[in-house]
Amino acid sequence: MIRFVGLSGIPAVTITVIAYVSLVPFYYLAPLDFGPNLPPFSVARYAPAIVAAWLLANTVWNNRGKQSELRFPINRWITAVVVTGLLSLINAQYPSIGAAKWVYYNLTGAAFAYCLFESLRDSHSVYRMARGLCGVFAVVVIYTYLCHLLGHDPLWGETQLKNNPYYLGTDFRATAPFGNPISTGSYMLLCLPLLIWASRHTATRALRATFTVVSAIGVYTAVMTQSRGTWLGLGPLAVTAAGLALLRLRAATREQGILLAILIVLSASLAPWLVKGVTSEEWLDTQVDKVRQRAMMLAPSQLQVTEPFRISQYLTTVNVLRAHPVFGVGIGNFTRVYDTYRHSSSPSREKYPARTTENMYLMTAAETGLAGLASALGLLAVVGRNLRRLHRRLPPGWARELALATLVALAGLLVNMLTWDALYDPSIRVLFWTIIGAGLALARVTAEERA
């Protein structure tokens, strides 16, 4: 028997998965393994993929014999990405690892989008899905903010230190609970537009005020990840938020404006004093100094000194494409064959032990070749075009602003992916595809309701 949950239950299960991948460092509950063999199976680590397979089976079973009124609008491009990933295994030095990664990436990616697209049947269900996601986001933002104030992660710090080679702590750069500040910043880019949407369109004044404060804290946390990609990705969000802020000021009463101002000031000034016993002025000086130090390291004139590994990876990718231009070295294989194609300009392994391209587009090209890169870019372009058309045709209201929030969230991450391979982080990948599925479902249900 396949049907354990109907289509109406899939959004709730998906939100539970998002909560799990957001608040539990499931990928670091055991040490990472980059050896030539498949890593040992762990239910905790692969739970999202197991749930995704179950949801996919339920969706197919519940839709058997039915003809969808509107097809999943990215079917062809999803097929192209899946097929090129499979064909890339022709060149794989470790085909079993590549095949396992291919299954895992697709289950924790497009499968969530497809299941949501089929299961969200009306605009109210899309609204409840977005509201549920924002509830999870609020908990993550507050937890990350408090860990940064405390200077350590009381729940997962020891686990991260033991199993996560990328863990930098939570003091200098905001990190928890994702294990590294780059993942944290990417998550913030995806969740902040929806939190700002929730600050305008949740049911009660208290909830709207709460989400406004959480949004402000989230922006601060994103800045304090001190990730170049996150700072760049905040550009689309800043422009959109400014426009929405003007709308909110026009629509808010004087009492609402005063209340929100008080909440934001109190949260910024009392939290440092309660946690660390310092005044807000002392705390602010410390934060500004941290950002200034990081900004000086990331200045263009310093890139040859501070980012030699990232720059050398462009040349390493060229080496890969010279050898395997069409389908790359095989999905999931780059980190294991990195030394074969490593460019001579790469700095020492002792100083830079990472074995990725530090760029999602380069990683896609290296592992699945130019064919894989073209299909991935085509998929992203079609998703963006659908969401842009949705925003244009909807009348003013929560649905139109949710379409805009979805588009801004995805745009911010696409910019961020210029500086690291974001979609190879399972937490970011699950959330990214969940947002795509909800956005495309909104396009379908609003078209049906209007018809």
Protein backbone atom coordinates (compact mmCIF):
# COMPACT_ATOMS: atom_id res chain seq x y z
CA MET A 1 0.00 0.00 0.00
CA ILE A 2 1.57 3.29 -1.10
CA ARG A 3 -0.96 5.85 0.01
CA PHE A 4 -0.13 6.76 3.63
CA VAL A 5 -0.85 10.45 3.12
CA GLY A 6 -3.14 12.21 0.68
CA LEU A 7 -2.14 15.16 -1.47
CA SER A 8 -3.46 17.54 1.18
CA GLY A 9 -0.96 16.17 3.71
CA ILE A 10 2.14 16.66 1.54
CA PRO A 11 2.63 20.37 2.41
CA ALA A 12 2.61 19.59 6.15
CA VAL A 13 5.17 16.81 5.68
CA THR A 14 7.30 19.15 3.56
CA ILE A 15 7.26 21.84 6.25
CA THR A 16 8.37 19.19 8.75
CA VAL A 17 11.28 18.29 6.47
CA ILE A 18 12.21 21.98 6.15
CA ALA A 19 12.19 22.28 9.95
CA TYR A 20 14.44 19.22 10.19
CA VAL A 21 17.01 20.37 7.63
CA SER A 22 16.94 23.88 9.11
CA LEU A 23 17.36 23.12 12.81
CA VAL A 24 19.28 19.82 12.86
CA PRO A 25 22.79 19.58 11.35
CA PHE A 26 21.79 16.21 9.92
CA TYR A 27 24.67 16.06 7.46
CA TYR A 28 27.21 16.40 10.27
CA LEU A 29 25.75 13.94 12.75
CA ALA A 30 28.50 11.65 11.42
CA PRO A 31 31.92 12.62 9.97
CA LEU A 32 32.04 13.46 6.26
CA ASP A 33 33.62 10.81 4.06
CA PHE A 34 35.38 11.68 0.77
CA GLY A 35 36.87 8.25 0.20
CA PRO A 36 36.52 6.06 -2.91
CA ASN A 37 33.64 4.06 -1.44
CA LEU A 38 30.04 4.94 -0.71
CA PRO A 39 29.68 6.48 2.77
CA PRO A 40 27.93 4.34 5.38
CA PHE A 41 24.16 4.65 5.37
CA SER A 42 22.67 6.83 8.10
CA VAL A 43 18.94 7.31 8.59
CA ALA A 44 19.52 10.71 10.21
CA ARG A 45 21.64 11.93 7.29
CA TYR A 46 19.43 10.58 4.51
CA ALA A 47 16.02 11.10 6.13
CA PRO A 48 15.06 13.96 3.73
CA ALA A 49 15.69 11.71 0.72
CA ILE A 50 13.70 8.87 2.26
CA VAL A 51 10.77 11.19 2.94
CA ALA A 52 11.03 12.67 -0.56
CA ALA A 53 10.85 9.20 -2.14
CA TRP A 54 7.78 8.45 -0.03
CA LEU A 55 6.11 11.74 -1.01
CA LEU A 56 6.90 11.17 -4.68
CA ALA A 57 5.38 7.69 -4.56
CA ASN A 58 2.29 9.12 -2.85
CA THR A 59 1.94 11.88 -5.43
CA VAL A 60 2.21 9.51 -8.38
CA TRP A 61 -0.18 7.03 -6.72
CA ASN A 62 -2.80 9.67 -5.86
CA ASN A 63 -2.67 11.09 -9.38
CA ARG A 64 -2.85 7.77 -11.20
CA GLY A 65 -5.37 7.81 -14.00
CA LYS A 66 -5.79 11.57 -13.77
CA GLN A 67 -4.84 14.13 -16.38
CA SER A 68 -3.52 17.32 -14.80
CA GLU A 69 -5.23 20.42 -16.14
CA LEU A 70 -1.89 22.18 -16.32
CA ARG A 71 1.36 20.26 -16.68
CA PHE A 72 4.30 20.91 -14.42
CA PRO A 73 5.68 23.92 -16.32
CA ILE A 74 9.33 22.91 -16.08
CA ASN A 75 8.95 19.25 -17.06
CA ARG A 76 11.19 19.42 -20.12
CA TRP A 77 13.98 21.26 -18.36
CA ILE A 78 13.80 19.02 -15.30
CA THR A 79 14.07 16.05 -17.67
CA ALA A 80 17.09 17.63 -19.37
CA VAL A 81 18.85 18.21 -16.04
CA VAL A 82 18.11 14.67 -14.84
CA VAL A 83 19.22 13.07 -18.12
CA THR A 84 22.46 15.06 -18.43
CA GLY A 85 23.28 14.19 -14.84
CA LEU A 86 22.81 10.52 -15.63
CA LEU A 87 24.82 10.74 -18.86
CA SER A 88 27.67 12.43 -17.00
CA LEU A 89 28.33 9.06 -15.31
CA ILE A 90 29.83 7.92 -18.63
CA ASN A 91 33.03 9.69 -17.57
CA ALA A 92 32.76 8.98 -13.85
CA GLN A 93 35.78 7.44 -12.18
CA TYR A 94 33.49 6.48 -9.30
CA PRO A 95 30.21 5.52 -11.01
CA SER A 96 28.56 3.97 -7.95
CA ILE A 97 29.12 7.15 -5.95
CA GLY A 98 27.91 9.21 -8.89
CA ALA A 99 24.76 7.14 -9.29
CA ALA A 100 23.97 7.41 -5.58
CA LYS A 101 24.54 11.18 -5.66
CA TRP A 102 22.36 11.49 -8.77
CA VAL A 103 19.47 9.79 -6.98
CA TYR A 104 20.05 11.76 -3.77
CA TYR A 105 20.30 15.16 -5.47
CA ASN A 106 17.12 14.63 -7.47
CA LEU A 107 15.10 13.28 -4.55
CA THR A 108 16.10 16.17 -2.30
CA GLY A 109 15.60 18.64 -5.13
CA ALA A 110 13.05 18.57 -7.93
CA ALA A 111 10.97 15.87 -6.21
CA PHE A 112 9.90 18.33 -3.51
CA ALA A 113 8.94 20.92 -6.12
CA TYR A 114 6.87 18.42 -8.10
CA CYS A 115 5.04 17.07 -5.04
CA LEU A 116 4.12 20.58 -3.87
CA PHE A 117 3.02 21.62 -7.34
CA GLU A 118 0.59 18.71 -7.44
CA SER A 119 -0.60 18.87 -3.81
CA LEU A 120 -1.33 22.59 -3.32
CA ARG A 121 -4.84 22.66 -4.75
CA ASP A 122 -6.06 26.22 -4.01
CA SER A 123 -4.74 29.64 -3.05
CA HIS A 124 -5.58 29.15 0.62
CA SER A 125 -3.38 26.04 0.80
CA VAL A 126 -0.52 28.01 -0.79
CA TYR A 127 -1.01 30.78 1.76
CA ARG A 128 -0.91 28.28 4.65
CA MET A 129 2.19 26.66 3.18
CA ALA A 130 3.99 30.02 3.00
CA ARG A 131 2.88 30.93 6.51
CA GLY A 132 4.15 27.59 7.84
CA LEU A 133 7.51 28.07 6.17
CA CYS A 134 7.78 31.54 7.70
CA GLY A 135 7.16 30.07 11.14
CA VAL A 136 10.15 27.76 10.67
CA PHE A 137 12.23 30.63 9.29
CA ALA A 138 11.47 32.78 12.34
CA VAL A 139 12.71 30.08 14.72
CA VAL A 140 15.90 29.61 12.66
CA VAL A 141 16.63 33.35 12.52
CA ILE A 142 16.16 33.83 16.26
CA TYR A 143 18.22 30.75 17.10
CA THR A 144 21.07 31.82 14.81
CA TYR A 145 20.97 35.36 16.22
CA LEU A 146 21.13 34.14 19.82
CA CYS A 147 23.99 31.74 19.06
CA HIS A 148 25.93 34.60 17.52
CA LEU A 149 25.30 36.78 20.58
CA LEU A 150 26.31 33.95 22.94
CA GLY A 151 29.40 33.13 20.90
CA HIS A 152 28.62 29.41 20.83
CA ASP A 153 25.94 26.95 19.80
CA PRO A 154 24.64 25.30 22.99
CA LEU A 155 22.80 22.51 21.15
CA TRP A 156 25.02 21.50 18.25
CA GLY A 157 28.40 23.14 18.86
CA GLU A 158 30.15 19.98 20.07
CA THR A 159 28.72 17.92 17.22
CA GLN A 160 29.87 20.48 14.67
CA LEU A 161 33.38 20.64 16.14
CA LYS A 162 33.66 16.87 16.02
CA ASN A 163 32.25 16.10 12.56
CA ASN A 164 32.16 19.28 10.46
CA PRO A 165 35.49 20.26 8.84
CA TYR A 166 34.02 23.62 7.79
CA TYR A 167 32.87 24.73 11.23
CA LEU A 168 34.18 28.15 12.32
CA GLY A 169 32.20 28.66 15.51
CA THR A 170 29.43 31.24 15.89
CA ASP A 171 31.20 34.27 17.39
CA PHE A 172 33.04 36.14 14.63
CA ARG A 173 30.68 35.02 11.84
CA ALA A 174 27.04 33.98 12.31
CA THR A 175 26.96 30.24 11.73
CA ALA A 176 24.44 28.16 13.63
CA PRO A 177 22.76 25.77 12.98
CA PHE A 178 24.10 25.11 9.47
CA GLY A 179 27.72 24.49 10.31
CA ASN A 180 29.29 27.24 8.23
CA PRO A 181 28.53 30.93 7.65
CA ILE A 182 28.17 30.57 3.88
CA SER A 183 25.30 28.11 4.29
CA THR A 184 23.75 30.38 6.91
CA GLY A 185 23.91 33.37 4.59
CA SER A 186 22.39 31.41 1.71
CA TYR A 187 19.54 30.29 3.93
CA MET A 188 18.90 33.88 4.99
CA LEU A 189 18.73 34.99 1.36
CA LEU A 190 15.99 32.41 0.73
CA CYS A 191 13.96 33.07 3.85
CA LEU A 192 14.16 36.87 4.27
CA PRO A 193 11.88 37.81 1.34
CA LEU A 194 9.18 35.48 2.68
CA LEU A 195 9.58 36.84 6.21
CA ILE A 196 9.10 40.37 4.86
CA TRP A 197 6.02 39.10 3.02
CA ALA A 198 4.72 37.62 6.31
CA SER A 199 5.26 40.97 8.04
CA ARG A 200 2.64 42.39 5.69
CA HIS A 201 0.19 39.54 5.21
CA THR A 202 -0.22 37.47 8.36
CA ALA A 203 -3.55 37.54 10.15
CA THR A 204 -3.00 39.62 13.29
CA ARG A 205 -1.20 42.82 14.17
CA ALA A 206 0.94 41.00 16.75
CA LEU A 207 2.13 38.46 14.18
CA ARG A 208 2.91 41.16 11.64
CA ALA A 209 4.94 43.05 14.24
CA THR A 210 6.76 39.85 15.23
CA PHE A 211 7.68 39.02 11.65
CA THR A 212 8.85 42.61 11.12
CA VAL A 213 11.26 42.34 14.05
CA VAL A 214 12.41 38.87 12.92
CA SER A 215 13.03 40.24 9.42
CA ALA A 216 15.22 43.00 10.85
CA ILE A 217 17.15 40.47 12.95
CA GLY A 218 17.48 38.25 9.87
CA VAL A 219 19.04 41.04 7.82
CA TYR A 220 21.54 41.67 10.63
CA THR A 221 22.33 37.94 10.83
CA ALA A 222 22.82 37.75 7.06
CA VAL A 223 25.26 40.65 7.20
CA MET A 224 27.12 39.05 10.12
CA THR A 225 27.72 35.84 8.17
CA GLN A 226 30.33 38.04 6.49
CA SER A 227 29.94 36.03 3.31
CA ARG A 228 30.71 37.89 0.11
CA GLY A 229 28.04 35.95 -1.77
CA THR A 230 25.45 36.79 0.86
CA TRP A 231 26.31 40.47 0.77
CA LEU A 232 25.96 40.44 -3.03
CA GLY A 233 22.71 38.47 -2.83
CA LEU A 234 21.18 41.03 -0.47
CA GLY A 235 21.06 43.48 -3.41
CA PRO A 236 17.75 42.25 -4.90
CA LEU A 237 16.28 42.00 -1.41
CA ALA A 238 17.32 45.54 -0.46
CA VAL A 239 15.64 47.07 -3.50
CA THR A 240 12.42 45.09 -2.98
CA ALA A 241 12.31 45.67 0.78
CA ALA A 242 12.68 49.42 0.30
CA GLY A 243 9.65 49.49 -1.95
CA LEU A 244 7.58 47.35 0.41
CA ALA A 245 8.64 49.48 3.38
CA LEU A 246 7.28 52.56 1.66
CA LEU A 247 4.00 50.78 1.04
CA ARG A 248 3.85 49.68 4.66
CA LEU A 249 4.48 53.18 5.97
CA ARG A 250 1.69 54.50 3.78
CA ALA A 251 -0.72 51.81 4.98
CA ALA A 252 0.23 51.78 8.68
CA THR A 253 -1.43 53.89 11.32
CA ARG A 254 0.65 56.08 13.61
CA GLU A 255 0.14 53.64 16.49
CA GLN A 256 1.37 50.72 14.39
CA GLY A 257 4.46 52.63 13.32
CA ILE A 258 5.29 53.59 16.90
CA LEU A 259 4.80 50.01 18.10
CA LEU A 260 7.09 48.54 15.42
CA ALA A 261 9.76 51.16 16.09
CA ILE A 262 9.71 50.37 19.82
CA LEU A 263 9.94 46.61 19.22
CA ILE A 264 12.89 46.95 16.84
CA VAL A 265 14.78 49.33 19.15
CA LEU A 266 14.19 47.14 22.19
CA SER A 267 15.25 43.96 20.41
CA ALA A 268 18.47 45.63 19.22
CA SER A 269 19.38 47.27 22.53
CA LEU A 270 18.21 44.82 25.21
CA ALA A 271 19.36 41.54 23.65
CA PRO A 272 23.14 42.30 23.85
CA TRP A 273 22.76 43.51 27.44
CA LEU A 274 20.76 40.46 28.51
CA VAL A 275 23.10 37.98 26.84
CA LYS A 276 26.55 39.52 27.29
CA GLY A 277 26.07 42.34 29.78
CA VAL A 278 27.28 45.04 27.37
CA THR A 279 25.52 48.20 26.26
CA SER A 280 24.04 48.42 22.80
CA GLU A 281 26.66 51.04 21.87
CA GLU A 282 29.57 48.79 22.87
CA TRP A 283 28.00 45.86 21.08
CA LEU A 284 27.36 47.89 17.92
CA ASP A 285 30.98 49.09 17.84
CA THR A 286 32.12 45.46 18.01
CA GLN A 287 29.84 44.41 15.16
CA VAL A 288 30.90 47.29 12.93
CA ASP A 289 34.54 46.45 13.55
CA LYS A 290 33.95 42.80 12.58
CA VAL A 291 32.27 43.79 9.33
CA ARG A 292 34.97 46.35 8.57
CA GLN A 293 37.73 43.76 9.02
CA ARG A 294 35.96 41.29 6.77
CA ALA A 295 35.18 43.93 4.14
CA MET A 296 38.86 44.90 4.00
CA MET A 297 39.75 41.23 3.37
CA LEU A 298 37.23 41.05 0.52
CA ALA A 299 38.25 44.27 -1.21
CA PRO A 300 39.08 43.73 -4.91
CA SER A 301 42.67 44.83 -4.34
CA GLN A 302 43.11 42.03 -1.79
CA LEU A 303 41.57 39.15 -3.75
CA GLN A 304 44.90 37.73 -4.91
CA VAL A 305 45.96 37.55 -1.25
CA THR A 306 42.71 36.46 0.40
CA GLU A 307 41.07 34.36 -2.35
CA PRO A 308 43.80 32.51 -4.28
CA PHE A 309 41.99 29.19 -3.98
CA ARG A 310 38.69 30.53 -5.32
CA ILE A 311 40.44 32.16 -8.28
CA SER A 312 42.45 29.03 -9.07
CA GLN A 313 39.26 26.99 -9.26
CA TYR A 314 38.26 28.77 -12.45
CA LEU A 315 41.42 27.39 -14.04
CA THR A 316 40.82 23.95 -12.53
CA THR A 317 37.37 23.93 -14.16
CA VAL A 318 38.98 24.77 -17.50
CA ASN A 319 41.25 21.74 -17.06
CA VAL A 320 38.19 19.55 -16.47
CA LEU A 321 36.33 20.89 -19.51
CA ARG A 322 39.35 20.38 -21.74
CA ALA A 323 39.30 16.69 -20.82
CA HIS A 324 35.50 16.18 -20.69
CA PRO A 325 33.70 19.12 -22.34
CA VAL A 326 30.25 17.61 -22.92
CA PHE A 327 29.37 15.69 -19.73
CA GLY A 328 32.14 16.57 -17.28
CA VAL A 329 33.75 14.17 -14.80
CA GLY A 330 30.46 12.78 -13.52
CA ILE A 331 27.97 14.04 -10.99
CA GLY A 332 29.25 13.65 -7.42
CA ASN A 333 32.81 12.91 -8.60
CA PHE A 334 34.61 16.27 -8.64
CA THR A 335 35.72 16.28 -5.00
CA ARG A 336 37.17 12.79 -5.42
CA VAL A 337 39.09 13.43 -8.66
CA TYR A 338 40.03 17.01 -7.78
CA ASP A 339 43.76 16.27 -7.51
CA THR A 340 43.81 14.93 -11.08
CA TYR A 341 42.66 18.26 -12.55
CA ARG A 342 43.95 20.65 -9.88
CA HIS A 343 45.56 23.70 -11.54
CA SER A 344 49.18 24.44 -10.77
CA SER A 345 48.26 27.89 -9.42
CA SER A 346 46.18 26.37 -6.62
CA PRO A 347 47.56 27.15 -3.14
CA SER A 348 48.73 24.42 -0.79
CA ARG A 349 46.29 21.83 0.48
CA GLU A 350 47.36 22.53 4.06
CA LYS A 351 46.16 26.14 3.84
CA TYR A 352 43.09 25.49 1.64
CA PRO A 353 41.87 21.91 2.15
CA ALA A 354 38.54 22.49 0.32
CA ARG A 355 37.98 20.41 -2.82
CA THR A 356 35.06 22.22 -4.48
CA THR A 357 34.86 24.90 -7.15
CA GLU A 358 33.40 27.48 -4.73
CA ASN A 359 30.91 28.33 -7.50
CA MET A 360 27.68 26.46 -8.32
CA TYR A 361 27.89 27.19 -12.02
CA LEU A 362 31.50 26.00 -12.22
CA MET A 363 30.64 22.88 -10.22
CA THR A 364 27.76 22.08 -12.57
CA ALA A 365 30.06 22.53 -15.58
CA ALA A 366 32.82 20.44 -14.03
CA GLU A 367 30.59 17.53 -13.05
CA THR A 368 28.01 17.46 -15.86
CA GLY A 369 29.82 19.37 -18.60
CA LEU A 370 28.55 22.09 -20.89
CA ALA A 371 25.42 20.03 -21.57
CA GLY A 372 24.58 19.95 -17.87
CA LEU A 373 25.33 23.65 -17.42
CA ALA A 374 23.12 24.61 -20.36
CA SER A 375 20.19 22.54 -19.10
CA ALA A 376 20.57 23.91 -15.54
CA LEU A 377 20.65 27.52 -16.75
CA GLY A 378 17.67 26.86 -19.00
CA LEU A 379 15.73 25.45 -16.05
CA LEU A 380 16.50 28.48 -13.89
CA ALA A 381 15.51 30.84 -16.70
CA VAL A 382 12.14 29.11 -17.20
CA VAL A 383 11.39 29.19 -13.46
CA GLY A 384 12.21 32.90 -13.34
CA ARG A 385 10.09 33.63 -16.40
CA ASN A 386 7.07 31.83 -14.93
CA LEU A 387 7.31 33.68 -11.62
CA ARG A 388 7.81 37.02 -13.36
CA ARG A 389 4.71 36.46 -15.50
CA LEU A 390 2.77 35.42 -12.40
CA HIS A 391 3.68 38.64 -10.58
CA ARG A 392 2.65 40.72 -13.58
CA ARG A 393 -0.80 39.17 -14.03
CA LEU A 394 -1.91 39.01 -10.39
CA PRO A 395 -3.85 41.92 -8.85
CA PRO A 396 -2.42 43.69 -5.77
CA GLY A 397 -2.63 41.55 -2.65
CA TRP A 398 -0.91 38.76 -0.74
CA ALA A 399 -0.60 36.43 -3.73
CA ARG A 400 1.13 39.00 -5.91
CA GLU A 401 3.57 39.90 -3.15
CA LEU A 402 4.23 36.21 -2.45
CA ALA A 403 5.14 35.76 -6.12
CA LEU A 404 7.50 38.72 -5.81
CA ALA A 405 9.01 37.36 -2.56
CA THR A 406 9.60 33.99 -4.23
CA LEU A 407 11.27 35.61 -7.22
CA VAL A 408 13.51 37.79 -5.02
CA ALA A 409 14.50 34.83 -2.84
CA LEU A 410 15.57 32.79 -5.86
CA ALA A 411 17.34 35.77 -7.45
CA GLY A 412 19.36 36.40 -4.30
CA LEU A 413 20.54 32.80 -4.18
CA LEU A 414 21.43 32.80 -7.88
CA VAL A 415 23.75 35.73 -7.23
CA ASN A 416 25.12 33.99 -4.14
CA MET A 417 25.92 30.89 -6.21
CA LEU A 418 28.65 32.83 -8.00
CA THR A 419 30.74 32.41 -4.85
CA TRP A 420 29.95 28.85 -3.75
CA ASP A 421 28.20 25.65 -4.83
CA ALA A 422 25.05 26.36 -2.82
CA LEU A 423 22.81 23.63 -4.22
CA TYR A 424 25.25 20.93 -3.14
CA ASP A 425 24.36 21.85 0.43
CA PRO A 426 21.35 19.58 1.14
CA SER A 427 19.57 22.07 3.43
CA ILE A 428 19.77 24.84 0.83
CA ARG A 429 18.79 22.48 -1.99
CA VAL A 430 15.65 21.23 -0.22
CA LEU A 431 14.54 24.78 0.64
CA PHE A 432 15.35 26.15 -2.83
CA TRP A 433 13.21 23.53 -4.58
CA THR A 434 10.43 23.79 -2.02
CA ILE A 435 10.14 27.51 -2.73
CA ILE A 436 10.10 26.81 -6.48
CA GLY A 437 7.33 24.24 -6.05
CA ALA A 438 5.20 26.59 -3.96
CA GLY A 439 5.72 29.44 -6.43
CA LEU A 440 4.73 27.35 -9.45
CA ALA A 441 1.74 25.96 -7.55
CA LEU A 442 0.63 29.54 -6.86
CA ALA A 443 0.75 30.20 -10.59
CA ARG A 444 -1.40 27.14 -11.29
CA VAL A 445 -4.07 27.65 -8.62
CA THR A 446 -4.51 31.36 -9.30
CA ALA A 447 -4.94 30.64 -13.02
CA GLU A 448 -7.53 27.96 -12.22
CA GLU A 449 -9.41 30.19 -9.79
CA ARG A 450 -9.47 33.09 -12.22
CA ALA A 451 -10.76 30.80 -14.97
